[in-house]
Protein backbone atom coordinates (compact mmCIF):
# COMPACT_ATOMS: atom_id res chain seq x y z
CA MET A 1 -0.02 25.80 9.56
CA ALA A 2 -1.65 22.53 10.36
CA THR A 3 0.40 19.90 12.13
CA ALA A 4 1.12 16.20 11.26
CA LYS A 5 -1.38 15.28 14.06
CA ASP A 6 -4.03 17.44 12.47
CA VAL A 7 -3.39 15.60 9.10
CA ILE A 8 -3.69 12.25 10.57
CA ILE A 9 -6.82 12.78 12.60
CA ASN A 10 -8.53 14.45 9.59
CA ASP A 11 -7.43 11.50 7.39
CA LEU A 12 -8.55 8.91 9.75
CA GLN A 13 -11.98 10.44 10.02
CA TYR A 14 -12.13 10.74 6.25
CA ILE A 15 -11.36 6.94 5.95
CA VAL A 16 -14.04 6.03 8.48
CA ASP A 17 -16.62 8.39 6.81
CA GLN A 18 -15.96 7.16 3.30
CA GLY A 19 -15.61 3.50 4.21
CA ILE A 20 -18.49 3.41 6.83
CA ASP A 21 -20.17 0.46 5.01
CA SER A 22 -17.02 -1.63 5.33
CA PHE A 23 -16.29 -0.73 8.97
CA GLU A 24 -19.97 -1.62 9.90
CA LYS A 25 -19.48 -5.06 8.26
CA MET A 26 -16.29 -5.65 10.30
CA ALA A 27 -17.80 -4.38 13.58
CA ASN A 28 -17.55 -7.02 16.43
CA LYS A 29 -15.46 -9.19 14.18
CA SER A 30 -11.67 -10.09 14.20
CA LEU A 31 -9.22 -8.82 11.66
CA LEU A 32 -5.65 -9.79 10.92
CA VAL A 33 -3.32 -7.53 9.11
CA THR A 34 0.01 -8.94 7.92
CA GLY A 35 2.75 -6.39 7.36
CA GLY A 36 0.91 -3.96 9.56
CA ALA A 37 4.09 -2.17 10.57
CA GLY A 38 4.59 -0.92 6.97
CA PHE A 39 3.54 2.07 4.93
CA ILE A 40 -0.03 0.93 4.11
CA GLY A 41 -0.38 -0.52 7.49
CA TYR A 42 0.15 2.92 9.00
CA TYR A 43 -3.35 4.01 8.08
CA LEU A 44 -4.90 0.59 7.92
CA VAL A 45 -4.14 0.01 11.62
CA GLN A 46 -4.78 3.53 12.87
CA SER A 47 -8.23 3.74 10.98
CA ILE A 48 -9.34 0.54 12.71
CA LEU A 49 -8.35 1.88 16.13
CA HIS A 50 -9.98 5.23 15.29
CA TRP A 51 -13.27 3.38 14.46
CA ASN A 52 -13.01 1.53 17.84
CA GLN A 53 -12.41 4.66 19.71
CA ILE A 54 -15.54 6.40 18.38
CA ASN A 55 -17.63 3.20 18.22
CA PRO A 56 -17.05 1.42 21.40
CA ALA A 57 -19.93 -0.93 20.99
CA LYS A 58 -18.84 -2.00 17.50
CA THR A 59 -15.18 -2.58 17.97
CA ILE A 60 -13.03 -4.56 15.60
CA LYS A 61 -10.50 -6.98 17.19
CA LEU A 62 -7.22 -6.19 15.46
CA THR A 63 -4.12 -8.43 15.24
CA ILE A 64 -0.90 -7.46 13.40
CA TYR A 65 1.64 -9.91 12.09
CA ASP A 66 5.02 -8.50 10.97
CA ASN A 67 8.53 -9.59 10.94
CA LEU A 68 9.59 -6.23 12.26
CA MET A 69 12.85 -6.40 10.14
CA ARG A 70 13.33 -2.66 10.47
CA GLY A 71 12.30 -2.77 14.24
CA VAL A 72 9.05 -1.59 15.70
CA PRO A 73 8.26 1.90 14.38
CA ASP A 74 7.60 4.46 17.01
CA TRP A 75 3.94 5.04 15.85
CA LEU A 76 3.23 1.35 16.33
CA ALA A 77 5.04 0.99 19.64
CA GLN A 78 2.91 3.79 21.11
CA LEU A 79 -0.37 2.16 19.84
CA ASP A 80 0.79 -1.22 21.17
CA ALA A 81 1.45 0.33 24.51
CA GLN A 82 -1.97 1.93 24.62
CA GLY A 83 -3.73 -1.36 24.08
CA GLY A 84 -6.54 -2.13 21.59
CA LEU A 85 -4.38 -4.35 19.25
CA GLN A 86 -2.20 -7.50 19.39
CA LEU A 87 1.18 -7.23 17.84
CA VAL A 88 2.73 -10.55 16.89
CA LYS A 89 6.32 -10.63 15.65
CA HIS A 90 6.16 -13.27 12.90
CA ASP A 91 7.81 -13.74 9.38
CA ILE A 92 5.04 -14.67 7.14
CA SER A 93 7.38 -16.69 5.04
CA ASN A 94 7.60 -19.25 7.84
CA PRO A 95 4.83 -21.63 8.90
CA LEU A 96 1.92 -19.99 10.71
CA PRO A 97 1.98 -20.09 14.57
CA GLU A 98 0.46 -23.37 15.83
CA ASP A 99 -1.76 -21.38 18.20
CA MET A 100 -2.99 -19.04 15.55
CA GLU A 101 -6.68 -18.25 16.09
CA ALA A 102 -9.40 -18.08 13.52
CA PHE A 103 -10.05 -14.67 11.94
CA ASP A 104 -13.09 -13.22 10.29
CA PHE A 105 -11.09 -11.01 7.99
CA ILE A 106 -7.54 -11.15 6.72
CA LEU A 107 -5.54 -8.48 4.93
CA HIS A 108 -2.22 -9.82 3.52
CA GLY A 109 0.06 -6.98 2.97
CA ALA A 110 3.34 -8.42 4.25
CA THR A 111 6.08 -7.89 1.61
CA ILE A 112 8.83 -5.54 0.52
CA ALA A 113 7.43 -2.95 -1.80
CA SER A 114 10.21 -0.41 -2.50
CA PRO A 115 12.18 -1.25 -5.54
CA LEU A 116 15.53 -0.48 -3.85
CA TYR A 117 14.84 -2.92 -1.06
CA TYR A 118 13.15 -5.79 -2.87
CA ARG A 119 16.10 -5.75 -5.17
CA LYS A 120 18.40 -6.16 -2.07
CA PHE A 121 16.19 -8.92 -0.67
CA PRO A 122 14.68 -10.76 -3.66
CA ILE A 123 14.37 -14.22 -2.09
CA GLU A 124 12.72 -12.75 1.03
CA THR A 125 10.34 -10.74 -1.22
CA MET A 126 9.32 -13.83 -3.23
CA ASP A 127 8.83 -15.98 -0.09
CA ALA A 128 6.39 -13.33 1.51
CA ASN A 129 4.44 -13.27 -1.77
CA VAL A 130 4.33 -16.98 -2.43
CA ARG A 131 4.91 -18.96 0.85
CA GLY A 132 3.02 -16.35 2.89
CA VAL A 133 -0.05 -16.18 0.84
CA ARG A 134 -0.10 -20.03 0.42
CA SER A 135 -0.12 -20.48 4.14
CA LEU A 136 -2.84 -17.97 4.77
CA LEU A 137 -5.10 -19.41 1.97
CA GLU A 138 -4.60 -22.82 3.59
CA LYS A 139 -5.62 -21.30 6.84
CA CYS A 140 -8.83 -19.94 5.21
CA ARG A 141 -9.58 -23.47 3.79
CA VAL A 142 -9.16 -25.06 7.23
CA GLN A 143 -11.19 -22.52 9.00
CA LYS A 144 -14.06 -23.22 6.66
CA GLU A 145 -13.69 -26.97 7.27
CA GLU A 146 -13.79 -26.25 11.11
CA GLY A 147 -16.92 -24.26 10.87
CA HIS A 148 -15.45 -20.73 11.21
CA PRO A 149 -15.26 -19.61 7.65
CA VAL A 150 -13.37 -16.41 6.88
CA GLU A 151 -15.71 -13.57 5.66
CA GLY A 152 -13.04 -11.71 3.59
CA PHE A 153 -9.51 -12.20 2.57
CA LEU A 154 -7.53 -9.50 0.72
CA PHE A 155 -4.17 -10.16 -1.11
CA PHE A 156 -2.21 -7.08 -1.80
CA SER A 157 -0.87 -7.59 -5.33
CA SER A 158 0.60 -4.62 -7.26
CA SER A 159 0.21 -2.50 -10.39
CA GLU A 160 3.64 -4.00 -11.13
CA ILE A 161 1.95 -7.18 -12.38
CA TYR A 162 1.07 -5.19 -15.52
CA GLY A 163 4.84 -4.48 -16.24
CA ASP A 164 5.33 -1.77 -18.81
CA PRO A 165 1.95 -1.56 -20.53
CA LEU A 166 1.51 -1.09 -24.18
CA ALA A 167 0.09 2.31 -25.09
CA GLU A 168 -3.21 0.83 -26.20
CA HIS A 169 -3.70 -0.59 -22.70
CA ILE A 170 -3.46 2.70 -20.90
CA PRO A 171 -5.50 3.48 -18.71
CA THR A 172 -4.88 -0.17 -17.68
CA PRO A 173 -7.88 -2.36 -16.91
CA GLU A 174 -7.78 -5.47 -14.69
CA THR A 175 -8.22 -7.53 -17.90
CA TYR A 176 -4.83 -6.64 -19.19
CA TRP A 177 -2.33 -9.60 -19.09
CA GLY A 178 0.79 -7.59 -18.67
CA ASN A 179 4.02 -6.93 -20.34
CA VAL A 180 6.45 -8.27 -17.68
CA SER A 181 10.06 -9.49 -17.69
CA CYS A 182 10.35 -12.74 -15.61
CA THR A 183 14.25 -12.43 -15.36
CA GLY A 184 14.85 -8.71 -14.93
CA PRO A 185 15.89 -6.79 -11.69
CA ARG A 186 12.11 -6.21 -10.69
CA ALA A 187 11.03 -9.78 -11.44
CA CYS A 188 11.32 -10.94 -7.93
CA TYR A 189 8.42 -8.65 -6.93
CA ASP A 190 6.38 -8.57 -10.23
CA GLU A 191 6.35 -12.32 -10.77
CA SER A 192 5.77 -13.31 -7.20
CA LYS A 193 2.74 -11.02 -7.12
CA ARG A 194 1.40 -12.60 -10.26
CA TYR A 195 1.90 -16.09 -8.94
CA GLY A 196 0.31 -14.97 -5.63
CA GLU A 197 -2.82 -13.84 -7.58
CA THR A 198 -2.83 -17.18 -9.32
CA LEU A 199 -2.89 -18.93 -6.02
CA CYS A 200 -5.77 -16.65 -4.74
CA ILE A 201 -7.93 -17.22 -7.78
CA ASN A 202 -7.55 -21.04 -7.58
CA PHE A 203 -8.35 -21.18 -3.85
CA ALA A 204 -11.39 -19.00 -4.36
CA GLN A 205 -12.71 -21.16 -7.06
CA GLN A 206 -11.78 -24.58 -5.74
CA TYR A 207 -12.79 -24.06 -2.16
CA LYS A 208 -15.47 -21.37 -2.61
CA LEU A 209 -13.71 -18.88 -0.43
CA PRO A 210 -14.08 -15.03 -0.35
CA ILE A 211 -10.64 -14.32 -1.72
CA LYS A 212 -10.14 -10.93 -3.28
CA ILE A 213 -7.18 -9.20 -4.85
CA VAL A 214 -6.22 -5.50 -5.01
CA ARG A 215 -3.71 -3.94 -7.33
CA PRO A 216 -2.40 -0.68 -5.80
CA PHE A 217 -1.28 2.17 -8.02
CA ASN A 218 1.42 4.54 -6.67
CA ASN A 219 0.16 5.23 -3.20
CA TYR A 220 1.85 8.14 -1.22
CA GLY A 221 1.26 10.00 1.96
CA PRO A 222 1.95 9.73 5.71
CA GLY A 223 3.66 6.54 6.80
CA LEU A 224 5.87 6.31 3.79
CA LYS A 225 9.39 6.84 5.30
CA ILE A 226 11.39 9.69 3.94
CA THR A 227 14.29 7.18 3.60
CA ASP A 228 12.13 4.80 1.43
CA LYS A 229 14.01 5.69 -1.71
CA ARG A 230 10.80 6.05 -3.81
CA VAL A 231 10.45 9.28 -5.80
CA LEU A 232 8.29 11.43 -3.55
CA PRO A 233 10.10 10.81 -0.32
CA ASP A 234 13.37 11.49 -2.19
CA PHE A 235 11.92 14.86 -3.44
CA ALA A 236 10.71 15.77 -0.01
CA ARG A 237 14.05 15.07 1.65
CA ASN A 238 15.75 17.17 -0.97
CA MET A 239 13.28 19.95 -0.38
CA PHE A 240 13.47 19.93 3.46
CA ASP A 241 17.38 19.88 3.26
CA ASN A 242 17.17 22.74 0.80
CA HIS A 243 19.23 20.79 -1.78
CA ASP A 244 18.53 20.48 -5.44
CA MET A 245 15.73 18.15 -6.28
CA VAL A 246 17.38 15.24 -8.02
CA MET A 247 15.81 13.18 -10.80
CA TYR A 248 17.72 9.95 -11.79
CA SER A 249 15.95 9.90 -15.14
CA ASP A 250 14.93 12.40 -17.78
CA GLY A 251 11.64 12.87 -15.79
CA SER A 252 9.37 11.87 -18.64
CA ALA A 253 7.84 8.76 -17.08
CA THR A 254 4.25 9.28 -16.13
CA ARG A 255 2.17 8.05 -13.19
CA THR A 256 -0.99 8.85 -11.36
CA PHE A 257 -0.61 9.13 -7.67
CA CYS A 258 -3.18 8.11 -5.03
CA TYR A 259 -3.15 9.56 -1.58
CA ILE A 260 -3.09 6.88 1.02
CA ALA A 261 -6.48 7.74 2.77
CA ASP A 262 -8.21 7.29 -0.54
CA ALA A 263 -6.41 4.12 -1.13
CA VAL A 264 -7.18 2.64 2.30
CA VAL A 265 -10.82 3.33 1.88
CA GLY A 266 -10.61 1.27 -1.40
CA TYR A 267 -8.87 -1.69 0.23
CA PHE A 268 -11.46 -2.00 2.85
CA LYS A 269 -14.12 -1.96 0.21
CA VAL A 270 -12.48 -4.68 -1.73
CA LEU A 271 -11.98 -6.80 1.32
CA VAL A 272 -15.64 -6.57 2.50
CA HIS A 273 -17.58 -6.01 -0.68
CA GLY A 274 -15.38 -7.24 -3.56
CA THR A 275 -16.37 -10.25 -5.66
CA PRO A 276 -14.55 -13.48 -4.69
CA GLY A 277 -11.95 -14.54 -7.19
CA GLU A 278 -11.58 -11.14 -8.80
CA ALA A 279 -8.81 -8.34 -8.79
CA TYR A 280 -9.44 -4.61 -8.50
CA ASN A 281 -7.34 -1.70 -9.42
CA ILE A 282 -7.26 0.76 -6.55
CA GLY A 283 -5.64 4.18 -7.37
CA ALA A 284 -6.32 7.58 -8.87
CA GLY A 285 -7.54 7.59 -12.49
CA SER A 286 -6.06 11.13 -13.00
CA PRO A 287 -4.10 13.35 -13.31
CA GLU A 288 -1.33 11.25 -15.10
CA ILE A 289 1.77 13.48 -14.68
CA SER A 290 5.44 13.14 -15.42
CA VAL A 291 7.98 12.75 -12.72
CA TYR A 292 9.34 16.18 -13.69
CA GLU A 293 5.91 17.57 -13.18
CA LEU A 294 5.64 16.01 -9.80
CA ALA A 295 9.06 17.50 -8.88
CA GLN A 296 7.71 20.97 -9.91
CA MET A 297 4.66 20.64 -7.71
CA VAL A 298 6.77 19.75 -4.76
CA ALA A 299 9.29 22.48 -5.43
CA LYS A 300 6.47 24.98 -5.58
CA ILE A 301 4.91 23.96 -2.38
CA GLY A 302 8.49 24.16 -0.96
CA ARG A 303 9.12 27.66 -2.22
CA ASP A 304 5.62 28.82 -1.10
CA SER A 305 5.60 27.27 2.32
CA TYR A 306 9.10 26.16 3.39
CA SER A 307 11.59 28.65 1.97
CA TYR A 308 12.87 26.24 -0.54
CA SER A 309 15.54 27.66 -2.96
CA GLY A 310 16.81 24.67 -4.82
CA GLU A 311 16.50 23.63 -8.43
CA ILE A 312 15.34 20.45 -10.21
CA VAL A 313 18.34 18.66 -11.56
CA ARG A 314 18.88 15.44 -13.58
CA LYS A 315 21.60 12.99 -12.61
CA ILE A 316 22.66 9.47 -13.69
CA ASN A 317 22.16 6.91 -10.82
CA GLN A 318 25.35 4.93 -9.90
CA ASP A 319 23.19 1.78 -10.01
CA ALA A 320 23.22 0.84 -13.75
CA MET A 321 20.10 -1.17 -13.29
CA TYR A 322 18.09 1.54 -11.69
CA LEU A 323 15.69 2.19 -14.55
CA THR A 324 15.68 -1.28 -15.97
CA ASP A 325 12.14 -2.58 -16.48
CA SER A 326 10.60 0.52 -14.81
CA PRO A 327 7.37 1.33 -16.60
CA ASN A 328 7.14 4.37 -18.79
CA ARG A 329 3.58 5.03 -17.95
CA ARG A 330 1.38 3.80 -15.05
CA CYS A 331 -2.33 4.88 -15.02
CA PRO A 332 -5.23 2.68 -13.77
CA ASP A 333 -8.65 2.16 -15.23
CA ILE A 334 -10.64 2.22 -11.93
CA SER A 335 -14.09 1.88 -13.56
CA LYS A 336 -14.61 -1.65 -12.04
CA ALA A 337 -14.04 -0.44 -8.58
CA GLN A 338 -16.14 2.59 -9.25
CA LYS A 339 -19.07 0.58 -10.52
CA ASP A 340 -18.94 -2.44 -8.24
CA LEU A 341 -17.75 -0.86 -5.04
CA GLN A 342 -18.77 2.89 -5.43
CA TYR A 343 -15.03 3.71 -4.99
CA GLN A 344 -14.24 7.36 -5.78
CA PRO A 345 -10.96 9.00 -4.71
CA GLY A 346 -11.76 12.49 -3.29
CA ILE A 347 -8.28 13.95 -2.26
CA SER A 348 -6.69 15.92 -5.11
CA LEU A 349 -2.90 15.49 -5.80
CA ALA A 350 -2.24 19.07 -4.82
CA ASP A 351 -4.08 18.56 -1.49
CA GLY A 352 -2.50 15.13 -0.85
CA LEU A 353 1.04 16.63 -1.43
CA GLN A 354 0.28 19.40 1.02
CA ARG A 355 -0.74 16.97 3.67
CA THR A 356 2.20 14.62 2.99
CA LEU A 357 4.73 17.43 3.27
CA ILE A 358 3.23 18.64 6.49
CA TRP A 359 3.69 15.06 7.86
CA TYR A 360 7.30 14.81 6.42
CA LEU A 361 8.16 18.17 8.22
CA GLU A 362 7.70 16.43 11.53
CA ASN A 363 8.88 12.95 10.38
CA ARG A 364 11.98 13.68 8.46
CA ASN A 365 14.67 12.89 10.99
CA VAL A 366 14.94 9.07 10.62
CA GLU A 367 18.14 7.13 10.28
CA GLU A 368 19.20 6.03 6.83
CA GLU A 369 18.52 2.27 6.16
């Protein structure tokens, strides 16, 4: 059986191969990734360092800002020790460092994205998505005035800005305005992302800056901690513990799931080649499957490869607000990214789940947070 290292190496090469046009544009330039210690940062950061390793004459100078509220993850500590990147502990909700250098490209992904955690830290979540992006946009404006204009800025928004789309708006295009509660338990995340987008659009228009927006749809894969409390890590933990696979719903809600390597290719494409002042859905257009069907897929892999013997069961979550405002369906229309950026996810759900579970097998012994 392949190892987690095999999966990562193959994925990083896939990202570089599929995103070669983006990496070439960033070659010999500087890149800032905020929130680089998180799930999406796991492959964003490592793919840049992989590019640098195989293209020593075209290296990308990489800097990471992160508040490290959960500590420095082992993978990042190892990379930091090896050199090749600059890791700065900084809470993006606070004013930017006075000695902050000018960057050619900026990816702003610093936020809390897991529903369990952003409901625990709603103010911090809003601050990262509003104060954080506002400070960085102002940095872009000043850089332009000082003669070092940023070449690309990407704000990580979310598919959550669509709320619970009406049936006639699925698959959901970027033009859909959303069906979102501004007072519900998920509003701290949803509404701050929507406002962050509004800031980006207006800075792009008023100051003629290359600000782009990406709306991720249900990413999964290596880097997403098994303690994250999202559905796939929970299923994986149940499976490896040989416990029943627990759904805290009737399992009928549907999603499309995009493997992280495909998603990261899309993010770099939007950063480098996207149209300023516009948003792009990045995810998998199909298959749209139910949570129950996802559990069945994980259970089958578990039975075939990991001696899993548990069942799929339904339970009521002790958190009475657990399902409040959770979308019934989530499926993106990715035709804009396909047409404008030649974005095309290439890793099937079955293949992505296999890779993810190989990674979880070696990365499942982490402390509960």
